[in-house]
Amino acid sequence: MKVRKGDTVLVIRGKDRGKKGKVLRALPQESRVIVEGANMIKRHLRARPPARQAGVVEREASIHVSGVMLLCPKCSRPARVGSRFLEDGKEVRACRACGEVVE
């Protein structure tokens, strides 16, 4: 998976197409990510006596990783991500459009 926690992404599919947000959580086993402010759902929660009150809570649901594109920090547009090796042998992610290292 080429998208990680903390990356800024653009949602390219679904009801929230066009929204930008930060990846709050990456779920690589399921190939899904949770993006801040995208794919909001309502969750009905039961009260837990000392901790929380019962009610309806709105929160983010996961999106398949194919439905988001990483925003390049240099050219600030959605870009495909490739991998590249640095001189010291370390593998890094790179923007396919401008070639900038994304880390």
PDB file of N, CA and C in Angstrom:
ATOM      1  N   MET A   1       0.839  -1.169   0.000  1.00  0.00           N
ATOM      2  CA  MET A   1       0.000   0.000   0.000  1.00  0.00           C
ATOM      3  C   MET A   1       0.891   1.241   0.000  1.00  0.00           C
ATOM      4  N   LYS A   2       0.606   2.182  -0.879  1.00  0.00           N
ATOM      5  CA  LYS A   2       1.482   3.331  -1.050  1.00  0.00           C
ATOM      6  C   LYS A   2       1.005   4.579  -0.319  1.00  0.00           C
ATOM      7  N   VAL A   3      -0.079   4.449   0.452  1.00  0.00           N
ATOM      8  CA  VAL A   3      -0.594   5.556   1.252  1.00  0.00           C
ATOM      9  C   VAL A   3      -0.392   5.193   2.713  1.00  0.00           C
ATOM     10  N   ARG A   4       0.119   6.145   3.499  1.00  0.00           N
ATOM     11  CA  ARG A   4       0.406   5.877   4.904  1.00  0.00           C
ATOM     12  C   ARG A   4      -0.306   6.875   5.802  1.00  0.00           C
ATOM     13  N   LYS A   5      -0.306   6.585   7.092  1.00  0.00           N
ATOM     14  CA  LYS A   5      -0.896   7.465   8.090  1.00  0.00           C
ATOM     15  C   LYS A   5      -0.177   8.822   8.044  1.00  0.00           C
ATOM     16  N   GLY A   6      -0.951   9.898   8.055  1.00  0.00           N
ATOM     17  CA  GLY A   6      -0.379  11.239   8.036  1.00  0.00           C
ATOM     18  C   GLY A   6      -0.280  11.864   6.658  1.00  0.00           C
ATOM     19  N   ASP A   7      -0.452  11.078   5.592  1.00  0.00           N
ATOM     20  CA  ASP A   7      -0.416  11.607   4.224  1.00  0.00           C
ATOM     21  C   ASP A   7      -1.671  12.433   3.945  1.00  0.00           C
ATOM     22  N   THR A   8      -1.528  13.438   3.085  1.00  0.00           N
ATOM     23  CA  THR A   8      -2.689  14.200   2.623  1.00  0.00           C
ATOM     24  C   THR A   8      -3.128  13.592   1.300  1.00  0.00           C
ATOM     25  N   VAL A   9      -4.417  13.249   1.220  1.00  0.00           N
ATOM     26  CA  VAL A   9      -4.938  12.574   0.031  1.00  0.00           C
ATOM     27  C   VAL A   9      -6.162  13.300  -0.512  1.00  0.00           C
ATOM     28  N   LEU A  10      -6.491  12.993  -1.762  1.00  0.00           N
ATOM     29  CA  LEU A  10      -7.687  13.487  -2.425  1.00  0.00           C
ATOM     30  C   LEU A  10      -8.587  12.290  -2.693  1.00  0.00           C
ATOM     31  N   VAL A  11      -9.863  12.400  -2.302  1.00  0.00           N
ATOM     32  CA  VAL A  11     -10.822  11.320  -2.553  1.00  0.00           C
ATOM     33  C   VAL A  11     -11.267  11.439  -4.006  1.00  0.00           C
ATOM     34  N   ILE A  12     -11.129  10.351  -4.784  1.00  0.00           N
ATOM     35  CA  ILE A  12     -11.451  10.393  -6.209  1.00  0.00           C
ATOM     36  C   ILE A  12     -12.683   9.576  -6.580  1.00  0.00           C
ATOM     37  N   ARG A  13     -13.282   8.884  -5.601  1.00  0.00           N
ATOM     38  CA  ARG A  13     -14.485   8.093  -5.863  1.00  0.00           C
ATOM     39  C   ARG A  13     -15.486   8.247  -4.737  1.00  0.00           C
ATOM     40  N   GLY A  14     -16.750   8.037  -5.074  1.00  0.00           N
ATOM     41  CA  GLY A  14     -17.796   7.993  -4.061  1.00  0.00           C
ATOM     42  C   GLY A  14     -18.454   9.334  -3.809  1.00  0.00           C
ATOM     43  N   LYS A  15     -19.246   9.375  -2.748  1.00  0.00           N
ATOM     44  CA  LYS A  15     -20.036  10.562  -2.448  1.00  0.00           C
ATOM     45  C   LYS A  15     -19.185  11.751  -2.020  1.00  0.00           C
ATOM     46  N   ASP A  16     -17.979  11.520  -1.569  1.00  0.00           N
ATOM     47  CA  ASP A  16     -17.091  12.596  -1.111  1.00  0.00           C
ATOM     48  C   ASP A  16     -16.003  12.921  -2.126  1.00  0.00           C
ATOM     49  N   ARG A  17     -16.254  12.646  -3.411  1.00  0.00           N
ATOM     50  CA  ARG A  17     -15.278  12.920  -4.465  1.00  0.00           C
ATOM     51  C   ARG A  17     -14.868  14.393  -4.438  1.00  0.00           C
ATOM     52  N   GLY A  18     -13.561  14.635  -4.483  1.00  0.00           N
ATOM     53  CA  GLY A  18     -13.049  16.003  -4.496  1.00  0.00           C
ATOM     54  C   GLY A  18     -12.605  16.512  -3.138  1.00  0.00           C
ATOM     55  N   LYS A  19     -12.935  15.801  -2.068  1.00  0.00           N
ATOM     56  CA  LYS A  19     -12.526  16.243  -0.738  1.00  0.00           C
ATOM     57  C   LYS A  19     -11.066  15.891  -0.484  1.00  0.00           C
ATOM     58  N   LYS A  20     -10.385  16.788   0.219  1.00  0.00           N
ATOM     59  CA  LYS A  20      -9.000  16.543   0.621  1.00  0.00           C
ATOM     60  C   LYS A  20      -8.989  16.309   2.115  1.00  0.00           C
ATOM     61  N   GLY A  21      -8.101  15.448   2.557  1.00  0.00           N
ATOM     62  CA  GLY A  21      -8.009  15.179   3.986  1.00  0.00           C
ATOM     63  C   GLY A  21      -6.754  14.407   4.334  1.00  0.00           C
ATOM     64  N   LYS A  22      -6.497  14.332   5.616  1.00  0.00           N
ATOM     65  CA  LYS A  22      -5.328  13.639   6.135  1.00  0.00           C
ATOM     66  C   LYS A  22      -5.720  12.197   6.462  1.00  0.00           C
ATOM     67  N   VAL A  23      -4.836  11.265   6.211  1.00  0.00           N
ATOM     68  CA  VAL A  23      -5.094   9.859   6.532  1.00  0.00           C
ATOM     69  C   VAL A  23      -4.921   9.691   8.035  1.00  0.00           C
ATOM     70  N   LEU A  24      -6.015   9.332   8.719  1.00  0.00           N
ATOM     71  CA  LEU A  24      -5.975   9.136  10.163  1.00  0.00           C
ATOM     72  C   LEU A  24      -5.468   7.748  10.523  1.00  0.00           C
ATOM     73  N   ARG A  25      -5.812   6.779   9.669  1.00  0.00           N
ATOM     74  CA  ARG A  25      -5.442   5.394   9.944  1.00  0.00           C
ATOM     75  C   ARG A  25      -5.345   4.624   8.642  1.00  0.00           C
ATOM     76  N   ALA A  26      -4.348   3.773   8.519  1.00  0.00           N
ATOM     77  CA  ALA A  26      -4.199   2.911   7.347  1.00  0.00           C
ATOM     78  C   ALA A  26      -4.433   1.472   7.779  1.00  0.00           C
ATOM     79  N   LEU A  27      -5.217   0.738   7.002  1.00  0.00           N
ATOM     80  CA  LEU A  27      -5.523  -0.666   7.290  1.00  0.00           C
ATOM     81  C   LEU A  27      -4.996  -1.516   6.138  1.00  0.00           C
ATOM     82  N   PRO A  28      -3.699  -1.836   6.125  1.00  0.00           N
ATOM     83  CA  PRO A  28      -3.111  -2.514   4.977  1.00  0.00           C
ATOM     84  C   PRO A  28      -3.646  -3.922   4.713  1.00  0.00           C
ATOM     85  N   GLN A  29      -4.093  -4.640   5.745  1.00  0.00           N
ATOM     86  CA  GLN A  29      -4.620  -5.992   5.531  1.00  0.00           C
ATOM     87  C   GLN A  29      -5.894  -5.954   4.699  1.00  0.00           C
ATOM     88  N   GLU A  30      -6.691  -4.888   4.874  1.00  0.00           N
ATOM     89  CA  GLU A  30      -7.942  -4.760   4.129  1.00  0.00           C
ATOM     90  C   GLU A  30      -7.824  -3.821   2.941  1.00  0.00           C
ATOM     91  N   SER A  31      -6.654  -3.232   2.721  1.00  0.00           N
ATOM     92  CA  SER A  31      -6.410  -2.242   1.657  1.00  0.00           C
ATOM     93  C   SER A  31      -7.359  -1.058   1.773  1.00  0.00           C
ATOM     94  N   ARG A  32      -7.513  -0.544   3.005  1.00  0.00           N
ATOM     95  CA  ARG A  32      -8.426   0.562   3.258  1.00  0.00           C
ATOM     96  C   ARG A  32      -7.737   1.637   4.093  1.00  0.00           C
ATOM     97  N   VAL A  33      -8.244   2.863   3.990  1.00  0.00           N
ATOM     98  CA  VAL A  33      -7.737   3.977   4.784  1.00  0.00           C
ATOM     99  C   VAL A  33      -8.918   4.750   5.374  1.00  0.00           C
ATOM    100  N   ILE A  34      -8.675   5.450   6.482  1.00  0.00           N
ATOM    101  CA  ILE A  34      -9.674   6.318   7.079  1.00  0.00           C
ATOM    102  C   ILE A  34      -9.176   7.743   6.883  1.00  0.00           C
ATOM    103  N   VAL A  35      -9.965   8.550   6.142  1.00  0.00           N
ATOM    104  CA  VAL A  35      -9.583   9.914   5.789  1.00  0.00           C
ATOM    105  C   VAL A  35     -10.408  10.894   6.616  1.00  0.00           C
ATOM    106  N   GLU A  36      -9.717  11.893   7.163  1.00  0.00           N
ATOM    107  CA  GLU A  36     -10.351  12.906   7.998  1.00  0.00           C
ATOM    108  C   GLU A  36     -11.426  13.672   7.218  1.00  0.00           C
ATOM    109  N   GLY A  37     -12.658  13.641   7.715  1.00  0.00           N
ATOM    110  CA  GLY A  37     -13.760  14.388   7.107  1.00  0.00           C
ATOM    111  C   GLY A  37     -14.408  13.750   5.898  1.00  0.00           C
ATOM    112  N   ALA A  38     -14.018  12.545   5.530  1.00  0.00           N
ATOM    113  CA  ALA A  38     -14.592  11.883   4.350  1.00  0.00           C
ATOM    114  C   ALA A  38     -15.305  10.601   4.763  1.00  0.00           C
ATOM    115  N   ASN A  39     -16.355  10.243   4.030  1.00  0.00           N
ATOM    116  CA  ASN A  39     -17.143   9.034   4.262  1.00  0.00           C
ATOM    117  C   ASN A  39     -17.696   8.992   5.688  1.00  0.00           C
ATOM    118  N   MET A  40     -18.387  10.067   6.073  1.00  0.00           N
ATOM    119  CA  MET A  40     -18.937  10.174   7.422  1.00  0.00           C
ATOM    120  C   MET A  40     -20.158   9.267   7.581  1.00  0.00           C
ATOM    121  N   ILE A  41     -20.200   8.575   8.736  1.00  0.00           N
ATOM    122  CA  ILE A  41     -21.334   7.704   9.060  1.00  0.00           C
ATOM    123  C   ILE A  41     -21.871   8.091  10.433  1.00  0.00           C
ATOM    124  N   LYS A  42     -23.111   7.695  10.699  1.00  0.00           N
ATOM    125  CA  LYS A  42     -23.692   7.921  12.024  1.00  0.00           C
ATOM    126  C   LYS A  42     -23.674   6.595  12.769  1.00  0.00           C
ATOM    127  N   ARG A  43     -23.187   6.639  14.001  1.00  0.00           N
ATOM    128  CA  ARG A  43     -23.057   5.447  14.826  1.00  0.00           C
ATOM    129  C   ARG A  43     -23.905   5.644  16.070  1.00  0.00           C
ATOM    130  N   HIS A  44     -24.794   4.704  16.356  1.00  0.00           N
ATOM    131  CA  HIS A  44     -25.643   4.779  17.542  1.00  0.00           C
ATOM    132  C   HIS A  44     -24.937   4.047  18.673  1.00  0.00           C
ATOM    133  N   LEU A  45     -24.582   4.787  19.715  1.00  0.00           N
ATOM    134  CA  LEU A  45     -23.803   4.217  20.807  1.00  0.00           C
ATOM    135  C   LEU A  45     -24.636   4.073  22.073  1.00  0.00           C
ATOM    136  N   ARG A  46     -24.413   2.974  22.763  1.00  0.00           N
ATOM    137  CA  ARG A  46     -25.058   2.709  24.045  1.00  0.00           C
ATOM    138  C   ARG A  46     -24.243   3.414  25.138  1.00  0.00           C
ATOM    139  N   ALA A  47     -24.886   3.820  26.195  1.00  0.00           N
ATOM    140  CA  ALA A  47     -24.199   4.510  27.288  1.00  0.00           C
ATOM    141  C   ALA A  47     -23.306   3.540  28.058  1.00  0.00           C
ATOM    142  N   ARG A  48     -22.163   4.046  28.452  1.00  0.00           N
ATOM    143  CA  ARG A  48     -21.270   3.322  29.362  1.00  0.00           C
ATOM    144  C   ARG A  48     -21.261   4.166  30.636  1.00  0.00           C
ATOM    145  N   PRO A  49     -21.745   3.635  31.724  1.00  0.00           N
ATOM    146  CA  PRO A  49     -22.011   4.461  32.911  1.00  0.00           C
ATOM    147  C   PRO A  49     -20.935   5.491  33.307  1.00  0.00           C
ATOM    148  N   PRO A  50     -19.696   5.131  33.544  1.00  0.00           N
ATOM    149  CA  PRO A  50     -18.778   6.198  33.969  1.00  0.00           C
ATOM    150  C   PRO A  50     -18.223   7.051  32.819  1.00  0.00           C
ATOM    151  N   ALA A  51     -18.181   6.499  31.623  1.00  0.00           N
ATOM    152  CA  ALA A  51     -17.434   7.152  30.548  1.00  0.00           C
ATOM    153  C   ALA A  51     -18.255   8.018  29.611  1.00  0.00           C
ATOM    154  N   ARG A  52     -19.248   7.464  28.931  1.00  0.00           N
ATOM    155  CA  ARG A  52     -19.918   8.237  27.884  1.00  0.00           C
ATOM    156  C   ARG A  52     -21.433   8.151  27.963  1.00  0.00           C
ATOM    157  N   GLN A  53     -22.036   9.122  27.324  1.00  0.00           N
ATOM    158  CA  GLN A  53     -23.487   9.215  27.269  1.00  0.00           C
ATOM    159  C   GLN A  53     -23.966   8.537  25.984  1.00  0.00           C
ATOM    160  N   ALA A  54     -25.185   8.026  26.012  1.00  0.00           N
ATOM    161  CA  ALA A  54     -25.755   7.394  24.819  1.00  0.00           C
ATOM    162  C   ALA A  54     -26.105   8.461  23.795  1.00  0.00           C
ATOM    163  N   GLY A  55     -26.101   8.070  22.520  1.00  0.00           N
ATOM    164  CA  GLY A  55     -26.486   9.007  21.478  1.00  0.00           C
ATOM    165  C   GLY A  55     -25.957   8.610  20.125  1.00  0.00           C
ATOM    166  N   VAL A  56     -26.145   9.509  19.175  1.00  0.00           N
ATOM    167  CA  VAL A  56     -25.701   9.274  17.805  1.00  0.00           C
ATOM    168  C   VAL A  56     -24.409  10.065  17.590  1.00  0.00           C
ATOM    169  N   VAL A  57     -23.369   9.363  17.178  1.00  0.00           N
ATOM    170  CA  VAL A  57     -22.064   9.977  16.958  1.00  0.00           C
ATOM    171  C   VAL A  57     -21.727   9.889  15.481  1.00  0.00           C
ATOM    172  N   GLU A  58     -21.229  10.975  14.918  1.00  0.00           N
ATOM    173  CA  GLU A  58     -20.830  10.965  13.513  1.00  0.00           C
ATOM    174  C   GLU A  58     -19.319  10.790  13.459  1.00  0.00           C
ATOM    175  N   ARG A  59     -18.871   9.819  12.649  1.00  0.00           N
ATOM    176  CA  ARG A  59     -17.435   9.571  12.530  1.00  0.00           C
ATOM    177  C   ARG A  59     -17.090   9.075  11.136  1.00  0.00           C
ATOM    178  N   GLU A  60     -15.791   8.986  10.862  1.00  0.00           N
ATOM    179  CA  GLU A  60     -15.328   8.568   9.541  1.00  0.00           C
ATOM    180  C   GLU A  60     -15.341   7.048   9.419  1.00  0.00           C
ATOM    181  N   ALA A  61     -15.729   6.573   8.237  1.00  0.00           N
ATOM    182  CA  ALA A  61     -15.645   5.152   7.916  1.00  0.00           C
ATOM    183  C   ALA A  61     -14.500   4.970   6.932  1.00  0.00           C
ATOM    184  N   SER A  62     -14.078   3.733   6.739  1.00  0.00           N
ATOM    185  CA  SER A  62     -12.931   3.480   5.861  1.00  0.00           C
ATOM    186  C   SER A  62     -13.311   3.581   4.388  1.00  0.00           C
ATOM    187  N   ILE A  63     -12.301   3.885   3.569  1.00  0.00           N
ATOM    188  CA  ILE A  63     -12.439   3.990   2.117  1.00  0.00           C
ATOM    189  C   ILE A  63     -11.388   3.060   1.518  1.00  0.00           C
ATOM    190  N   HIS A  64     -11.720   2.417   0.410  1.00  0.00           N
ATOM    191  CA  HIS A  64     -10.729   1.565  -0.246  1.00  0.00           C
ATOM    192  C   HIS A  64      -9.600   2.439  -0.767  1.00  0.00           C
ATOM    193  N   VAL A  65      -8.381   1.936  -0.679  1.00  0.00           N
ATOM    194  CA  VAL A  65      -7.199   2.718  -1.040  1.00  0.00           C
ATOM    195  C   VAL A  65      -7.181   3.109  -2.519  1.00  0.00           C
ATOM    196  N   SER A  66      -7.898   2.378  -3.369  1.00  0.00           N
ATOM    197  CA  SER A  66      -7.957   2.735  -4.785  1.00  0.00           C
ATOM    198  C   SER A  66      -8.828   3.961  -5.022  1.00  0.00           C
ATOM    199  N   GLY A  67      -9.599   4.371  -4.013  1.00  0.00           N
ATOM    200  CA  GLY A  67     -10.467   5.533  -4.136  1.00  0.00           C
ATOM    201  C   GLY A  67      -9.835   6.827  -3.677  1.00  0.00           C
ATOM    202  N   VAL A  68      -8.549   6.794  -3.343  1.00  0.00           N
ATOM    203  CA  VAL A  68      -7.848   8.018  -2.934  1.00  0.00           C
ATOM    204  C   VAL A  68      -6.539   8.140  -3.702  1.00  0.00           C
ATOM    205  N   MET A  69      -6.090   9.390  -3.864  1.00  0.00           N
ATOM    206  CA  MET A  69      -4.784   9.651  -4.500  1.00  0.00           C
ATOM    207  C   MET A  69      -3.974  10.549  -3.590  1.00  0.00           C
ATOM    208  N   LEU A  70      -2.707  10.254  -3.477  1.00  0.00           N
ATOM    209  CA  LEU A  70      -1.800  11.040  -2.657  1.00  0.00           C
ATOM    210  C   LEU A  70      -1.578  12.408  -3.282  1.00  0.00           C
ATOM    211  N   LEU A  71      -1.607  13.463  -2.467  1.00  0.00           N
ATOM    212  CA  LEU A  71      -1.304  14.816  -2.942  1.00  0.00           C
ATOM    213  C   LEU A  71       0.191  15.048  -2.761  1.00  0.00           C
ATOM    214  N   CYS A  72       0.869  15.380  -3.844  1.00  0.00           N
ATOM    215  CA  CYS A  72       2.310  15.624  -3.805  1.00  0.00           C
ATOM    216  C   CYS A  72       2.589  16.904  -3.027  1.00  0.00           C
ATOM    217  N   PRO A  73       3.524  16.889  -2.075  1.00  0.00           N
ATOM    218  CA  PRO A  73       3.816  18.102  -1.318  1.00  0.00           C
ATOM    219  C   PRO A  73       4.488  19.196  -2.144  1.00  0.00           C
ATOM    220  N   LYS A  74       5.172  18.830  -3.228  1.00  0.00           N
ATOM    221  CA  LYS A  74       5.863  19.832  -4.050  1.00  0.00           C
ATOM    222  C   LYS A  74       4.926  20.446  -5.092  1.00  0.00           C
ATOM    223  N   CYS A  75       4.320  19.605  -5.944  1.00  0.00           N
ATOM    224  CA  CYS A  75       3.475  20.137  -7.018  1.00  0.00           C
ATOM    225  C   CYS A  75       2.017  20.298  -6.583  1.00  0.00           C
ATOM    226  N   SER A  76       1.683  19.868  -5.370  1.00  0.00           N
ATOM    227  CA  SER A  76       0.358  19.983  -4.733  1.00  0.00           C
ATOM    228  C   SER A  76      -0.808  19.576  -5.635  1.00  0.00           C
ATOM    229  N   ARG A  77      -0.616  18.517  -6.392  1.00  0.00           N
ATOM    230  CA  ARG A  77      -1.715  17.954  -7.168  1.00  0.00           C
ATOM    231  C   ARG A  77      -1.707  16.441  -6.986  1.00  0.00           C
ATOM    232  N   PRO A  78      -2.847  15.783  -7.223  1.00  0.00           N
ATOM    233  CA  PRO A  78      -2.897  14.338  -7.026  1.00  0.00           C
ATOM    234  C   PRO A  78      -1.946  13.627  -7.976  1.00  0.00           C
ATOM    235  N   ALA A  79      -1.194  12.690  -7.437  1.00  0.00           N
ATOM    236  CA  ALA A  79      -0.194  12.021  -8.259  1.00  0.00           C
ATOM    237  C   ALA A  79      -0.127  10.543  -7.922  1.00  0.00           C
ATOM    238  N   ARG A  80       0.258   9.772  -8.915  1.00  0.00           N
ATOM    239  CA  ARG A  80       0.544   8.367  -8.664  1.00  0.00           C
ATOM    240  C   ARG A  80       1.865   8.296  -7.919  1.00  0.00           C
ATOM    241  N   VAL A  81       2.053   7.221  -7.183  1.00  0.00           N
ATOM    242  CA  VAL A  81       3.243   7.093  -6.353  1.00  0.00           C
ATOM    243  C   VAL A  81       4.055   5.899  -6.814  1.00  0.00           C
ATOM    244  N   GLY A  82       5.354   6.115  -6.973  1.00  0.00           N
ATOM    245  CA  GLY A  82       6.266   5.035  -7.311  1.00  0.00           C
ATOM    246  C   GLY A  82       7.324   4.920  -6.234  1.00  0.00           C
ATOM    247  N   SER A  83       8.196   3.952  -6.357  1.00  0.00           N
ATOM    248  CA  SER A  83       9.280   3.828  -5.396  1.00  0.00           C
ATOM    249  C   SER A  83      10.611   4.047  -6.097  1.00  0.00           C
ATOM    250  N   ARG A  84      11.557   4.547  -5.329  1.00  0.00           N
ATOM    251  CA  ARG A  84      12.872   4.865  -5.869  1.00  0.00           C
ATOM    252  C   ARG A  84      13.904   4.583  -4.795  1.00  0.00           C
ATOM    253  N   PHE A  85      15.110   4.248  -5.204  1.00  0.00           N
ATOM    254  CA  PHE A  85      16.182   4.008  -4.246  1.00  0.00           C
ATOM    255  C   PHE A  85      17.107   5.213  -4.202  1.00  0.00           C
ATOM    256  N   LEU A  86      17.456   5.644  -3.000  1.00  0.00           N
ATOM    257  CA  LEU A  86      18.408   6.738  -2.825  1.00  0.00           C
ATOM    258  C   LEU A  86      19.831   6.200  -2.933  1.00  0.00           C
ATOM    259  N   GLU A  87      20.817   7.103  -2.886  1.00  0.00           N
ATOM    260  CA  GLU A  87      22.224   6.691  -3.013  1.00  0.00           C
ATOM    261  C   GLU A  87      22.657   5.751  -1.888  1.00  0.00           C
ATOM    262  N   ASP A  88      22.087   5.952  -0.700  1.00  0.00           N
ATOM    263  CA  ASP A  88      22.457   5.101   0.445  1.00  0.00           C
ATOM    264  C   ASP A  88      21.734   3.759   0.445  1.00  0.00           C
ATOM    265  N   GLY A  89      20.915   3.495  -0.583  1.00  0.00           N
ATOM    266  CA  GLY A  89      20.233   2.217  -0.717  1.00  0.00           C
ATOM    267  C   GLY A  89      18.852   2.174  -0.093  1.00  0.00           C
ATOM    268  N   LYS A  90      18.415   3.284   0.495  1.00  0.00           N
ATOM    269  CA  LYS A  90      17.100   3.333   1.133  1.00  0.00           C
ATOM    270  C   LYS A  90      16.015   3.508   0.078  1.00  0.00           C
ATOM    271  N   GLU A  91      14.917   2.733   0.214  1.00  0.00           N
ATOM    272  CA  GLU A  91      13.798   2.838  -0.718  1.00  0.00           C
ATOM    273  C   GLU A  91      12.822   3.894  -0.211  1.00  0.00           C
ATOM    274  N   VAL A  92      12.423   4.827  -1.083  1.00  0.00           N
ATOM    275  CA  VAL A  92      11.501   5.897  -0.713  1.00  0.00           C
ATOM    276  C   VAL A  92      10.369   5.991  -1.732  1.00  0.00           C
ATOM    277  N   ARG A  93       9.263   6.628  -1.331  1.00  0.00           N
ATOM    278  CA  ARG A  93       8.161   6.873  -2.249  1.00  0.00           C
ATOM    279  C   ARG A  93       8.455   8.141  -3.032  1.00  0.00           C
ATOM    280  N   ALA A  94       8.062   8.159  -4.300  1.00  0.00           N
ATOM    281  CA  ALA A  94       8.303   9.325  -5.145  1.00  0.00           C
ATOM    282  C   ALA A  94       7.077   9.627  -5.995  1.00  0.00           C
ATOM    283  N   CYS A  95       6.844  10.917  -6.230  1.00  0.00           N
ATOM    284  CA  CYS A  95       5.747  11.380  -7.077  1.00  0.00           C
ATOM    285  C   CYS A  95       6.089  11.048  -8.524  1.00  0.00           C
ATOM    286  N   ARG A  96       5.151  10.441  -9.247  1.00  0.00           N
ATOM    287  CA  ARG A  96       5.410  10.080 -10.641  1.00  0.00           C
ATOM    288  C   ARG A  96       5.369  11.290 -11.559  1.00  0.00           C
ATOM    289  N   ALA A  97       4.679  12.358 -11.156  1.00  0.00           N
ATOM    290  CA  ALA A  97       4.553  13.541 -11.990  1.00  0.00           C
ATOM    291  C   ALA A  97       5.817  14.400 -11.975  1.00  0.00           C
ATOM    292  N   CYS A  98       6.300  14.732 -10.758  1.00  0.00           N
ATOM    293  CA  CYS A  98       7.442  15.648 -10.681  1.00  0.00           C
ATOM    294  C   CYS A  98       8.723  14.978 -10.207  1.00  0.00           C
ATOM    295  N   GLY A  99       8.642  13.737  -9.731  1.00  0.00           N
ATOM    296  CA  GLY A  99       9.837  13.017  -9.289  1.00  0.00           C
ATOM    297  C   GLY A  99      10.272  13.332  -7.872  1.00  0.00           C
ATOM    298  N   GLU A 100       9.537  14.185  -7.173  1.00  0.00           N
ATOM    299  CA  GLU A 100       9.887  14.585  -5.803  1.00  0.00           C
ATOM    300  C   GLU A 100       9.677  13.421  -4.832  1.00  0.00           C
ATOM    301  N   VAL A 101      10.588  13.303  -3.856  1.00  0.00           N
ATOM    302  CA  VAL A 101      10.477  12.266  -2.828  1.00  0.00           C
ATOM    303  C   VAL A 101       9.349  12.650  -1.869  1.00  0.00           C
ATOM    304  N   VAL A 102       8.475  11.699  -1.583  1.00  0.00           N
ATOM    305  CA  VAL A 102       7.335  11.924  -0.686  1.00  0.00           C
ATOM    306  C   VAL A 102       7.608  11.186   0.611  1.00  0.00           C
ATOM    307  N   GLU A 103       8.015  11.911   1.621  1.00  0.00           N
ATOM    308  CA  GLU A 103       8.268  11.283   2.936  1.00  0.00           C
ATOM    309  C   GLU A 103       7.951  12.205   4.072  1.00  0.00           C
TER     310      GLU A 103
END
